[in-house]
Amino acid sequence: MNISGKLRHIVNIQSLTNTQDSVTGEVTQTWTTIHTGVRAGIEPLSAREFIQSRTEQSAISARITIRHISGLTAAMRIVGGSGAYSGRVFNPEGFLEDKVSGQEYITIPCSEGVNEG
């Protein structure tokens, strides 16, 4: 399946990082960009898809497709980097590998909103 034409958005993938101040010992959590400028297809879900995917914990509001990247986890977040999605925060609810090889692309159902870790 050729997905190149569908990857028209740019996103950054971030991971939560804990840093400890050497003087005070205070631990600070910050989001660190681990993958920048990732080409992605972002599709808001229709009302029907939204209702079907709704759970008590979160509501899936978008489907993001990217080329395969190893090591992604649901503890990370995806931040829109350009266009209509610039600055919007998406929280991955899971990672679905492509059906043929499992190595070409990943579909990520996401909930949207501020993720403070």
PDB file of N, CA and C in Angstrom:
ATOM      1  N   MET A   1       0.855  -1.182   0.000  1.00  0.00           N
ATOM      2  CA  MET A   1       0.000   0.000   0.000  1.00  0.00           C
ATOM      3  C   MET A   1       0.892   1.232   0.000  1.00  0.00           C
ATOM      4  N   ASN A   2       0.656   2.149  -0.937  1.00  0.00           N
ATOM      5  CA  ASN A   2       1.441   3.370  -1.007  1.00  0.00           C
ATOM      6  C   ASN A   2       0.726   4.470  -0.220  1.00  0.00           C
ATOM      7  N   ILE A   3       1.364   4.917   0.854  1.00  0.00           N
ATOM      8  CA  ILE A   3       0.746   5.934   1.707  1.00  0.00           C
ATOM      9  C   ILE A   3       1.401   7.303   1.559  1.00  0.00           C
ATOM     10  N   SER A   4       2.410   7.399   0.701  1.00  0.00           N
ATOM     11  CA  SER A   4       3.175   8.649   0.573  1.00  0.00           C
ATOM     12  C   SER A   4       2.299   9.869   0.351  1.00  0.00           C
ATOM     13  N   GLY A   5       1.297   9.773  -0.517  1.00  0.00           N
ATOM     14  CA  GLY A   5       0.430  10.907  -0.816  1.00  0.00           C
ATOM     15  C   GLY A   5      -0.459  11.322   0.341  1.00  0.00           C
ATOM     16  N   LYS A   6      -0.662  10.439   1.287  1.00  0.00           N
ATOM     17  CA  LYS A   6      -1.527  10.735   2.424  1.00  0.00           C
ATOM     18  C   LYS A   6      -0.779  11.398   3.578  1.00  0.00           C
ATOM     19  N   LEU A   7       0.541  11.396   3.539  1.00  0.00           N
ATOM     20  CA  LEU A   7       1.351  11.938   4.636  1.00  0.00           C
ATOM     21  C   LEU A   7       1.665  13.410   4.363  1.00  0.00           C
ATOM     22  N   ARG A   8       0.656  14.257   4.479  1.00  0.00           N
ATOM     23  CA  ARG A   8       0.819  15.664   4.116  1.00  0.00           C
ATOM     24  C   ARG A   8       0.970  16.602   5.315  1.00  0.00           C
ATOM     25  N   HIS A   9       0.982  16.055   6.518  1.00  0.00           N
ATOM     26  CA  HIS A   9       1.162  16.858   7.725  1.00  0.00           C
ATOM     27  C   HIS A   9       2.526  16.569   8.339  1.00  0.00           C
ATOM     28  N   ILE A  10       2.979  17.479   9.181  1.00  0.00           N
ATOM     29  CA  ILE A  10       4.230  17.307   9.912  1.00  0.00           C
ATOM     30  C   ILE A  10       3.898  17.232  11.399  1.00  0.00           C
ATOM     31  N   VAL A  11       4.466  16.230  12.099  1.00  0.00           N
ATOM     32  CA  VAL A  11       4.259  16.112  13.539  1.00  0.00           C
ATOM     33  C   VAL A  11       5.599  15.871  14.224  1.00  0.00           C
ATOM     34  N   ASN A  12       5.609  16.101  15.520  1.00  0.00           N
ATOM     35  CA  ASN A  12       6.762  15.784  16.359  1.00  0.00           C
ATOM     36  C   ASN A  12       6.294  14.784  17.401  1.00  0.00           C
ATOM     37  N   ILE A  13       7.136  13.811  17.710  1.00  0.00           N
ATOM     38  CA  ILE A  13       6.807  12.813  18.718  1.00  0.00           C
ATOM     39  C   ILE A  13       7.648  13.110  19.946  1.00  0.00           C
ATOM     40  N   GLN A  14       6.967  13.204  21.100  1.00  0.00           N
ATOM     41  CA  GLN A  14       7.639  13.592  22.337  1.00  0.00           C
ATOM     42  C   GLN A  14       7.516  12.518  23.403  1.00  0.00           C
ATOM     43  N   SER A  15       8.517  12.492  24.282  1.00  0.00           N
ATOM     44  CA  SER A  15       8.552  11.562  25.406  1.00  0.00           C
ATOM     45  C   SER A  15       8.747  12.365  26.686  1.00  0.00           C
ATOM     46  N   LEU A  16       8.153  11.897  27.770  1.00  0.00           N
ATOM     47  CA  LEU A  16       8.270  12.577  29.056  1.00  0.00           C
ATOM     48  C   LEU A  16       9.636  12.266  29.664  1.00  0.00           C
ATOM     49  N   THR A  17      10.346  13.323  30.078  1.00  0.00           N
ATOM     50  CA  THR A  17      11.679  13.177  30.648  1.00  0.00           C
ATOM     51  C   THR A  17      11.699  13.771  32.052  1.00  0.00           C
ATOM     52  N   ASN A  18      12.284  13.034  32.984  1.00  0.00           N
ATOM     53  CA  ASN A  18      12.462  13.531  34.355  1.00  0.00           C
ATOM     54  C   ASN A  18      13.891  14.010  34.518  1.00  0.00           C
ATOM     55  N   THR A  19      14.066  15.233  35.010  1.00  0.00           N
ATOM     56  CA  THR A  19      15.402  15.754  35.303  1.00  0.00           C
ATOM     57  C   THR A  19      15.431  16.217  36.750  1.00  0.00           C
ATOM     58  N   GLN A  20      16.562  15.985  37.400  1.00  0.00           N
ATOM     59  CA  GLN A  20      16.700  16.354  38.803  1.00  0.00           C
ATOM     60  C   GLN A  20      17.710  17.478  38.934  1.00  0.00           C
ATOM     61  N   ASP A  21      17.301  18.544  39.621  1.00  0.00           N
ATOM     62  CA  ASP A  21      18.185  19.671  39.885  1.00  0.00           C
ATOM     63  C   ASP A  21      19.291  19.213  40.833  1.00  0.00           C
ATOM     64  N   SER A  22      20.549  19.451  40.444  1.00  0.00           N
ATOM     65  CA  SER A  22      21.684  18.977  41.239  1.00  0.00           C
ATOM     66  C   SER A  22      21.820  19.707  42.580  1.00  0.00           C
ATOM     67  N   VAL A  23      21.253  20.912  42.685  1.00  0.00           N
ATOM     68  CA  VAL A  23      21.361  21.681  43.923  1.00  0.00           C
ATOM     69  C   VAL A  23      20.197  21.391  44.871  1.00  0.00           C
ATOM     70  N   THR A  24      18.969  21.515  44.348  1.00  0.00           N
ATOM     71  CA  THR A  24      17.796  21.377  45.218  1.00  0.00           C
ATOM     72  C   THR A  24      17.267  19.945  45.288  1.00  0.00           C
ATOM     73  N   GLY A  25      17.606  19.131  44.302  1.00  0.00           N
ATOM     74  CA  GLY A  25      17.099  17.761  44.252  1.00  0.00           C
ATOM     75  C   GLY A  25      15.697  17.663  43.692  1.00  0.00           C
ATOM     76  N   GLU A  26      15.115  18.799  43.311  1.00  0.00           N
ATOM     77  CA  GLU A  26      13.760  18.812  42.777  1.00  0.00           C
ATOM     78  C   GLU A  26      13.726  18.122  41.407  1.00  0.00           C
ATOM     79  N   VAL A  27      12.723  17.263  41.227  1.00  0.00           N
ATOM     80  CA  VAL A  27      12.545  16.562  39.961  1.00  0.00           C
ATOM     81  C   VAL A  27      11.538  17.325  39.104  1.00  0.00           C
ATOM     82  N   THR A  28      11.924  17.606  37.875  1.00  0.00           N
ATOM     83  CA  THR A  28      11.075  18.332  36.942  1.00  0.00           C
ATOM     84  C   THR A  28      10.758  17.428  35.756  1.00  0.00           C
ATOM     85  N   GLN A  29       9.496  17.386  35.364  1.00  0.00           N
ATOM     86  CA  GLN A  29       9.090  16.620  34.196  1.00  0.00           C
ATOM     87  C   GLN A  29       8.931  17.565  33.017  1.00  0.00           C
ATOM     88  N   THR A  30       9.536  17.199  31.896  1.00  0.00           N
ATOM     89  CA  THR A  30       9.411  17.992  30.678  1.00  0.00           C
ATOM     90  C   THR A  30       9.228  17.052  29.495  1.00  0.00           C
ATOM     91  N   TRP A  31       8.580  17.564  28.462  1.00  0.00           N
ATOM     92  CA  TRP A  31       8.416  16.798  27.234  1.00  0.00           C
ATOM     93  C   TRP A  31       9.604  17.067  26.332  1.00  0.00           C
ATOM     94  N   THR A  32      10.239  16.008  25.868  1.00  0.00           N
ATOM     95  CA  THR A  32      11.411  16.097  25.002  1.00  0.00           C
ATOM     96  C   THR A  32      11.050  15.529  23.634  1.00  0.00           C
ATOM     97  N   THR A  33      11.341  16.274  22.585  1.00  0.00           N
ATOM     98  CA  THR A  33      11.059  15.787  21.232  1.00  0.00           C
ATOM     99  C   THR A  33      12.095  14.736  20.871  1.00  0.00           C
ATOM    100  N   ILE A  34      11.601  13.531  20.538  1.00  0.00           N
ATOM    101  CA  ILE A  34      12.512  12.444  20.177  1.00  0.00           C
ATOM    102  C   ILE A  34      12.505  12.155  18.675  1.00  0.00           C
ATOM    103  N   HIS A  35      11.429  12.537  17.999  1.00  0.00           N
ATOM    104  CA  HIS A  35      11.343  12.432  16.536  1.00  0.00           C
ATOM    105  C   HIS A  35      10.740  13.739  16.041  1.00  0.00           C
ATOM    106  N   THR A  36      11.476  14.469  15.232  1.00  0.00           N
ATOM    107  CA  THR A  36      10.990  15.757  14.745  1.00  0.00           C
ATOM    108  C   THR A  36      10.756  15.698  13.233  1.00  0.00           C
ATOM    109  N   GLY A  37       9.788  16.452  12.769  1.00  0.00           N
ATOM    110  CA  GLY A  37       9.512  16.537  11.337  1.00  0.00           C
ATOM    111  C   GLY A  37       9.008  15.244  10.724  1.00  0.00           C
ATOM    112  N   VAL A  38       8.228  14.474  11.479  1.00  0.00           N
ATOM    113  CA  VAL A  38       7.698  13.193  10.991  1.00  0.00           C
ATOM    114  C   VAL A  38       6.516  13.471  10.061  1.00  0.00           C
ATOM    115  N   ARG A  39       6.558  12.907   8.855  1.00  0.00           N
ATOM    116  CA  ARG A  39       5.447  13.048   7.911  1.00  0.00           C
ATOM    117  C   ARG A  39       4.287  12.190   8.409  1.00  0.00           C
ATOM    118  N   ALA A  40       3.078  12.763   8.413  1.00  0.00           N
ATOM    119  CA  ALA A  40       1.919  12.058   8.951  1.00  0.00           C
ATOM    120  C   ALA A  40       0.654  12.410   8.195  1.00  0.00           C
ATOM    121  N   GLY A  41      -0.273  11.504   8.242  1.00  0.00           N
ATOM    122  CA  GLY A  41      -1.628  11.758   7.767  1.00  0.00           C
ATOM    123  C   GLY A  41      -2.513  11.851   8.996  1.00  0.00           C
ATOM    124  N   ILE A  42      -3.189  12.973   9.183  1.00  0.00           N
ATOM    125  CA  ILE A  42      -4.064  13.144  10.342  1.00  0.00           C
ATOM    126  C   ILE A  42      -5.497  13.230   9.833  1.00  0.00           C
ATOM    127  N   GLU A  43      -6.335  12.313  10.318  1.00  0.00           N
ATOM    128  CA  GLU A  43      -7.734  12.289   9.912  1.00  0.00           C
ATOM    129  C   GLU A  43      -8.632  12.399  11.140  1.00  0.00           C
ATOM    130  N   PRO A  44      -9.400  13.477  11.248  1.00  0.00           N
ATOM    131  CA  PRO A  44     -10.393  13.531  12.323  1.00  0.00           C
ATOM    132  C   PRO A  44     -11.431  12.448  12.050  1.00  0.00           C
ATOM    133  N   LEU A  45     -11.938  11.832  13.092  1.00  0.00           N
ATOM    134  CA  LEU A  45     -12.918  10.768  12.904  1.00  0.00           C
ATOM    135  C   LEU A  45     -14.312  11.339  12.729  1.00  0.00           C
ATOM    136  N   SER A  46     -15.125  10.611  11.996  1.00  0.00           N
ATOM    137  CA  SER A  46     -16.510  11.029  11.810  1.00  0.00           C
ATOM    138  C   SER A  46     -17.267  10.850  13.116  1.00  0.00           C
ATOM    139  N   ALA A  47     -18.440  11.419  13.208  1.00  0.00           N
ATOM    140  CA  ALA A  47     -19.250  11.291  14.421  1.00  0.00           C
ATOM    141  C   ALA A  47     -19.540   9.827  14.723  1.00  0.00           C
ATOM    142  N   ARG A  48     -19.796   9.043  13.708  1.00  0.00           N
ATOM    143  CA  ARG A  48     -20.089   7.614  13.918  1.00  0.00           C
ATOM    144  C   ARG A  48     -18.870   6.884  14.470  1.00  0.00           C
ATOM    145  N   GLU A  49     -17.703   7.099  13.864  1.00  0.00           N
ATOM    146  CA  GLU A  49     -16.475   6.465  14.357  1.00  0.00           C
ATOM    147  C   GLU A  49     -16.184   6.922  15.785  1.00  0.00           C
ATOM    148  N   PHE A  50     -16.434   8.190  16.045  1.00  0.00           N
ATOM    149  CA  PHE A  50     -16.184   8.750  17.371  1.00  0.00           C
ATOM    150  C   PHE A  50     -17.054   8.051  18.416  1.00  0.00           C
ATOM    151  N   ILE A  51     -18.321   7.874  18.118  1.00  0.00           N
ATOM    152  CA  ILE A  51     -19.253   7.238  19.059  1.00  0.00           C
ATOM    153  C   ILE A  51     -18.890   5.767  19.264  1.00  0.00           C
ATOM    154  N   GLN A  52     -18.512   5.060  18.193  1.00  0.00           N
ATOM    155  CA  GLN A  52     -18.166   3.646  18.301  1.00  0.00           C
ATOM    156  C   GLN A  52     -16.903   3.426  19.113  1.00  0.00           C
ATOM    157  N   SER A  53     -15.958   4.345  19.057  1.00  0.00           N
ATOM    158  CA  SER A  53     -14.681   4.150  19.739  1.00  0.00           C
ATOM    159  C   SER A  53     -14.665   4.723  21.156  1.00  0.00           C
ATOM    160  N   ARG A  54     -15.726   5.367  21.560  1.00  0.00           N
ATOM    161  CA  ARG A  54     -15.775   6.037  22.866  1.00  0.00           C
ATOM    162  C   ARG A  54     -15.687   5.021  24.010  1.00  0.00           C
ATOM    163  N   THR A  55     -14.814   5.304  24.966  1.00  0.00           N
ATOM    164  CA  THR A  55     -14.712   4.483  26.164  1.00  0.00           C
ATOM    165  C   THR A  55     -14.815   5.400  27.362  1.00  0.00           C
ATOM    166  N   GLU A  56     -14.903   4.834  28.541  1.00  0.00           N
ATOM    167  CA  GLU A  56     -14.991   5.665  29.740  1.00  0.00           C
ATOM    168  C   GLU A  56     -13.689   6.408  30.004  1.00  0.00           C
ATOM    169  N   GLN A  57     -12.558   5.858  29.570  1.00  0.00           N
ATOM    170  CA  GLN A  57     -11.269   6.460  29.872  1.00  0.00           C
ATOM    171  C   GLN A  57     -10.903   7.585  28.910  1.00  0.00           C
ATOM    172  N   SER A  58     -11.209   7.428  27.643  1.00  0.00           N
ATOM    173  CA  SER A  58     -10.828   8.439  26.666  1.00  0.00           C
ATOM    174  C   SER A  58     -11.736   8.343  25.454  1.00  0.00           C
ATOM    175  N   ALA A  59     -11.687   9.361  24.632  1.00  0.00           N
ATOM    176  CA  ALA A  59     -12.473   9.370  23.414  1.00  0.00           C
ATOM    177  C   ALA A  59     -11.525   9.524  22.233  1.00  0.00           C
ATOM    178  N   ILE A  60     -11.532   8.568  21.345  1.00  0.00           N
ATOM    179  CA  ILE A  60     -10.678   8.626  20.168  1.00  0.00           C
ATOM    180  C   ILE A  60     -11.224   9.725  19.259  1.00  0.00           C
ATOM    181  N   SER A  61     -10.387  10.685  18.903  1.00  0.00           N
ATOM    182  CA  SER A  61     -10.870  11.795  18.090  1.00  0.00           C
ATOM    183  C   SER A  61     -10.152  11.924  16.752  1.00  0.00           C
ATOM    184  N   ALA A  62      -9.046  11.184  16.571  1.00  0.00           N
ATOM    185  CA  ALA A  62      -8.305  11.277  15.312  1.00  0.00           C
ATOM    186  C   ALA A  62      -7.559   9.975  15.051  1.00  0.00           C
ATOM    187  N   ARG A  63      -7.229   9.797  13.784  1.00  0.00           N
ATOM    188  CA  ARG A  63      -6.420   8.665  13.359  1.00  0.00           C
ATOM    189  C   ARG A  63      -5.192   9.249  12.667  1.00  0.00           C
ATOM    190  N   ILE A  64      -4.018   8.919  13.176  1.00  0.00           N
ATOM    191  CA  ILE A  64      -2.770   9.422  12.598  1.00  0.00           C
ATOM    192  C   ILE A  64      -2.022   8.251  11.978  1.00  0.00           C
ATOM    193  N   THR A  65      -1.541   8.434  10.757  1.00  0.00           N
ATOM    194  CA  THR A  65      -0.766   7.409  10.069  1.00  0.00           C
ATOM    195  C   THR A  65       0.625   7.963   9.805  1.00  0.00           C
ATOM    196  N   ILE A  66       1.648   7.176  10.161  1.00  0.00           N
ATOM    197  CA  ILE A  66       3.046   7.562   9.915  1.00  0.00           C
ATOM    198  C   ILE A  66       3.786   6.351   9.354  1.00  0.00           C
ATOM    199  N   ARG A  67       4.958   6.597   8.793  1.00  0.00           N
ATOM    200  CA  ARG A  67       5.818   5.484   8.414  1.00  0.00           C
ATOM    201  C   ARG A  67       6.270   4.789   9.691  1.00  0.00           C
ATOM    202  N   HIS A  68       6.606   3.530   9.575  1.00  0.00           N
ATOM    203  CA  HIS A  68       6.961   2.722  10.746  1.00  0.00           C
ATOM    204  C   HIS A  68       8.160   3.320  11.499  1.00  0.00           C
ATOM    205  N   ILE A  69       8.026   3.487  12.812  1.00  0.00           N
ATOM    206  CA  ILE A  69       9.101   3.898  13.714  1.00  0.00           C
ATOM    207  C   ILE A  69       9.064   2.919  14.883  1.00  0.00           C
ATOM    208  N   SER A  70      10.188   2.321  15.197  1.00  0.00           N
ATOM    209  CA  SER A  70      10.252   1.374  16.316  1.00  0.00           C
ATOM    210  C   SER A  70      10.288   2.106  17.650  1.00  0.00           C
ATOM    211  N   GLY A  71       9.799   1.450  18.689  1.00  0.00           N
ATOM    212  CA  GLY A  71       9.937   1.960  20.046  1.00  0.00           C
ATOM    213  C   GLY A  71       8.893   2.954  20.515  1.00  0.00           C
ATOM    214  N   LEU A  72       7.832   3.149  19.761  1.00  0.00           N
ATOM    215  CA  LEU A  72       6.785   4.085  20.184  1.00  0.00           C
ATOM    216  C   LEU A  72       5.944   3.447  21.285  1.00  0.00           C
ATOM    217  N   THR A  73       5.534   4.260  22.265  1.00  0.00           N
ATOM    218  CA  THR A  73       4.694   3.756  23.353  1.00  0.00           C
ATOM    219  C   THR A  73       3.532   4.719  23.602  1.00  0.00           C
ATOM    220  N   ALA A  74       2.508   4.226  24.269  1.00  0.00           N
ATOM    221  CA  ALA A  74       1.335   5.046  24.581  1.00  0.00           C
ATOM    222  C   ALA A  74       1.662   6.144  25.591  1.00  0.00           C
ATOM    223  N   ALA A  75       2.829   6.081  26.239  1.00  0.00           N
ATOM    224  CA  ALA A  75       3.236   7.124  27.190  1.00  0.00           C
ATOM    225  C   ALA A  75       3.762   8.367  26.472  1.00  0.00           C
ATOM    226  N   MET A  76       3.962   8.272  25.165  1.00  0.00           N
ATOM    227  CA  MET A  76       4.450   9.411  24.386  1.00  0.00           C
ATOM    228  C   MET A  76       3.267  10.254  23.944  1.00  0.00           C
ATOM    229  N   ARG A  77       3.556  11.379  23.299  1.00  0.00           N
ATOM    230  CA  ARG A  77       2.506  12.197  22.714  1.00  0.00           C
ATOM    231  C   ARG A  77       2.967  12.679  21.356  1.00  0.00           C
ATOM    232  N   ILE A  78       2.000  13.076  20.532  1.00  0.00           N
ATOM    233  CA  ILE A  78       2.269  13.562  19.183  1.00  0.00           C
ATOM    234  C   ILE A  78       1.770  14.998  19.126  1.00  0.00           C
ATOM    235  N   VAL A  79       2.623  15.905  18.675  1.00  0.00           N
ATOM    236  CA  VAL A  79       2.272  17.322  18.606  1.00  0.00           C
ATOM    237  C   VAL A  79       2.313  17.762  17.148  1.00  0.00           C
ATOM    238  N   GLY A  80       1.204  18.344  16.685  1.00  0.00           N
ATOM    239  CA  GLY A  80       1.145  18.848  15.322  1.00  0.00           C
ATOM    240  C   GLY A  80       2.182  19.938  15.122  1.00  0.00           C
ATOM    241  N   GLY A  81       2.883  19.870  13.996  1.00  0.00           N
ATOM    242  CA  GLY A  81       3.965  20.813  13.759  1.00  0.00           C
ATOM    243  C   GLY A  81       3.688  21.854  12.703  1.00  0.00           C
ATOM    244  N   SER A  82       2.610  21.696  11.931  1.00  0.00           N
ATOM    245  CA  SER A  82       2.346  22.667  10.873  1.00  0.00           C
ATOM    246  C   SER A  82       0.872  22.683  10.495  1.00  0.00           C
ATOM    247  N   GLY A  83       0.477  23.731   9.807  1.00  0.00           N
ATOM    248  CA  GLY A  83      -0.872  23.831   9.270  1.00  0.00           C
ATOM    249  C   GLY A  83      -1.954  23.870  10.330  1.00  0.00           C
ATOM    250  N   ALA A  84      -3.098  23.303   9.991  1.00  0.00           N
ATOM    251  CA  ALA A  84      -4.273  23.335  10.861  1.00  0.00           C
ATOM    252  C   ALA A  84      -4.045  22.606  12.177  1.00  0.00           C
ATOM    253  N   TYR A  85      -3.082  21.694  12.222  1.00  0.00           N
ATOM    254  CA  TYR A  85      -2.839  20.903  13.430  1.00  0.00           C
ATOM    255  C   TYR A  85      -1.662  21.414  14.260  1.00  0.00           C
ATOM    256  N   SER A  86      -1.102  22.546  13.893  1.00  0.00           N
ATOM    257  CA  SER A  86       0.055  23.107  14.593  1.00  0.00           C
ATOM    258  C   SER A  86      -0.235  23.315  16.078  1.00  0.00           C
ATOM    259  N   GLY A  87       0.596  22.709  16.940  1.00  0.00           N
ATOM    260  CA  GLY A  87       0.470  22.876  18.377  1.00  0.00           C
ATOM    261  C   GLY A  87      -0.570  21.991  19.043  1.00  0.00           C
ATOM    262  N   ARG A  88      -1.386  21.303  18.262  1.00  0.00           N
ATOM    263  CA  ARG A  88      -2.398  20.416  18.855  1.00  0.00           C
ATOM    264  C   ARG A  88      -1.732  19.161  19.389  1.00  0.00           C
ATOM    265  N   VAL A  89      -2.170  18.704  20.559  1.00  0.00           N
ATOM    266  CA  VAL A  89      -1.564  17.558  21.238  1.00  0.00           C
ATOM    267  C   VAL A  89      -2.461  16.338  21.078  1.00  0.00           C
ATOM    268  N   PHE A  90      -1.871  15.243  20.586  1.00  0.00           N
ATOM    269  CA  PHE A  90      -2.583  13.986  20.403  1.00  0.00           C
ATOM    270  C   PHE A  90      -1.954  12.925  21.302  1.00  0.00           C
ATOM    271  N   ASN A  91      -2.797  12.198  22.025  1.00  0.00           N
ATOM    272  CA  ASN A  91      -2.335  11.153  22.935  1.00  0.00           C
ATOM    273  C   ASN A  91      -2.620   9.788  22.322  1.00  0.00           C
ATOM    274  N   PRO A  92      -1.579   9.023  21.971  1.00  0.00           N
ATOM    275  CA  PRO A  92      -1.780   7.707  21.358  1.00  0.00           C
ATOM    276  C   PRO A  92      -2.519   6.756  22.299  1.00  0.00           C
ATOM    277  N   GLU A  93      -3.485   6.037  21.745  1.00  0.00           N
ATOM    278  CA  GLU A  93      -4.225   5.035  22.514  1.00  0.00           C
ATOM    279  C   GLU A  93      -3.770   3.630  22.134  1.00  0.00           C
ATOM    280  N   GLY A  94      -2.914   3.534  21.124  1.00  0.00           N
ATOM    281  CA  GLY A  94      -2.402   2.248  20.660  1.00  0.00           C
ATOM    282  C   GLY A  94      -1.702   2.437  19.331  1.00  0.00           C
ATOM    283  N   PHE A  95      -1.078   1.363  18.841  1.00  0.00           N
ATOM    284  CA  PHE A  95      -0.332   1.416  17.584  1.00  0.00           C
ATOM    285  C   PHE A  95      -0.693   0.193  16.760  1.00  0.00           C
ATOM    286  N   LEU A  96      -1.231   0.410  15.567  1.00  0.00           N
ATOM    287  CA  LEU A  96      -1.657  -0.672  14.690  1.00  0.00           C
ATOM    288  C   LEU A  96      -0.722  -0.742  13.491  1.00  0.00           C
ATOM    289  N   GLU A  97       0.040  -1.826  13.396  1.00  0.00           N
ATOM    290  CA  GLU A  97       0.977  -1.991  12.278  1.00  0.00           C
ATOM    291  C   GLU A  97       0.204  -2.374  11.027  1.00  0.00           C
ATOM    292  N   ASP A  98       0.809  -2.100   9.854  1.00  0.00           N
ATOM    293  CA  ASP A  98       0.129  -2.438   8.608  1.00  0.00           C
ATOM    294  C   ASP A  98      -0.066  -3.956   8.508  1.00  0.00           C
ATOM    295  N   LYS A  99      -1.091  -4.346   7.770  1.00  0.00           N
ATOM    296  CA  LYS A  99      -1.504  -5.741   7.718  1.00  0.00           C
ATOM    297  C   LYS A  99      -0.555  -6.641   6.931  1.00  0.00           C
ATOM    298  N   VAL A 100       0.171  -6.074   5.975  1.00  0.00           N
ATOM    299  CA  VAL A 100       0.987  -6.907   5.101  1.00  0.00           C
ATOM    300  C   VAL A 100       2.326  -7.268   5.735  1.00  0.00           C
ATOM    301  N   SER A 101       3.166  -6.287   5.998  1.00  0.00           N
ATOM    302  CA  SER A 101       4.512  -6.585   6.509  1.00  0.00           C
ATOM    303  C   SER A 101       4.692  -6.220   7.976  1.00  0.00           C
ATOM    304  N   GLY A 102       3.842  -5.318   8.481  1.00  0.00           N
ATOM    305  CA  GLY A 102       4.014  -4.841   9.849  1.00  0.00           C
ATOM    306  C   GLY A 102       5.177  -3.875   9.984  1.00  0.00           C
ATOM    307  N   GLN A 103       5.786  -3.501   8.875  1.00  0.00           N
ATOM    308  CA  GLN A 103       6.974  -2.650   8.907  1.00  0.00           C
ATOM    309  C   GLN A 103       6.883  -1.403   8.034  1.00  0.00           C
ATOM    310  N   GLU A 104       5.795  -1.229   7.276  1.00  0.00           N
ATOM    311  CA  GLU A 104       5.709  -0.090   6.369  1.00  0.00           C
ATOM    312  C   GLU A 104       5.139   1.156   7.043  1.00  0.00           C
ATOM    313  N   TYR A 105       4.012   1.015   7.711  1.00  0.00           N
ATOM    314  CA  TYR A 105       3.391   2.171   8.354  1.00  0.00           C
ATOM    315  C   TYR A 105       2.700   1.750   9.642  1.00  0.00           C
ATOM    316  N   ILE A 106       2.336   2.753  10.453  1.00  0.00           N
ATOM    317  CA  ILE A 106       1.625   2.538  11.702  1.00  0.00           C
ATOM    318  C   ILE A 106       0.412   3.466  11.723  1.00  0.00           C
ATOM    319  N   THR A 107      -0.743   2.938  12.105  1.00  0.00           N
ATOM    320  CA  THR A 107      -1.938   3.738  12.305  1.00  0.00           C
ATOM    321  C   THR A 107      -2.111   3.907  13.805  1.00  0.00           C
ATOM    322  N   ILE A 108      -2.315   5.165  14.236  1.00  0.00           N
ATOM    323  CA  ILE A 108      -2.365   5.476  15.657  1.00  0.00           C
ATOM    324  C   ILE A 108      -3.702   6.139  15.988  1.00  0.00           C
ATOM    325  N   PRO A 109      -4.624   5.412  16.650  1.00  0.00           N
ATOM    326  CA  PRO A 109      -5.833   6.071  17.131  1.00  0.00           C
ATOM    327  C   PRO A 109      -5.449   6.969  18.311  1.00  0.00           C
ATOM    328  N   CYS A 110      -5.931   8.213  18.312  1.00  0.00           N
ATOM    329  CA  CYS A 110      -5.517   9.180  19.334  1.00  0.00           C
ATOM    330  C   CYS A 110      -6.702   9.907  19.951  1.00  0.00           C
ATOM    331  N   SER A 111      -6.526  10.245  21.219  1.00  0.00           N
ATOM    332  CA  SER A 111      -7.424  11.199  21.846  1.00  0.00           C
ATOM    333  C   SER A 111      -6.694  12.535  21.784  1.00  0.00           C
ATOM    334  N   GLU A 112      -7.431  13.608  21.864  1.00  0.00           N
ATOM    335  CA  GLU A 112      -6.801  14.920  21.719  1.00  0.00           C
ATOM    336  C   GLU A 112      -6.960  15.716  22.997  1.00  0.00           C
ATOM    337  N   GLY A 113      -5.922  16.442  23.352  1.00  0.00           N
ATOM    338  CA  GLY A 113      -5.982  17.299  24.518  1.00  0.00           C
ATOM    339  C   GLY A 113      -4.624  17.430  25.159  1.00  0.00           C
ATOM    340  N   VAL A 114      -4.534  18.294  26.130  1.00  0.00           N
ATOM    341  CA  VAL A 114      -3.272  18.550  26.809  1.00  0.00           C
ATOM    342  C   VAL A 114      -2.850  17.301  27.564  1.00  0.00           C
ATOM    343  N   ASN A 115      -1.619  16.901  27.378  1.00  0.00           N
ATOM    344  CA  ASN A 115      -1.072  15.744  28.072  1.00  0.00           C
ATOM    345  C   ASN A 115       0.087  16.227  28.928  1.00  0.00           C
ATOM    346  N   GLU A 116      -0.113  16.262  30.215  1.00  0.00           N
ATOM    347  CA  GLU A 116       0.931  16.722  31.130  1.00  0.00           C
ATOM    348  C   GLU A 116       1.692  15.562  31.746  1.00  0.00           C
ATOM    349  N   GLY A 117       1.504  14.375  31.183  1.00  0.00           N
ATOM    350  CA  GLY A 117       2.236  13.210  31.664  1.00  0.00           C
ATOM    351  C   GLY A 117       1.486  12.527  32.721  1.00  0.00           C
TER     352      GLY A 117
END
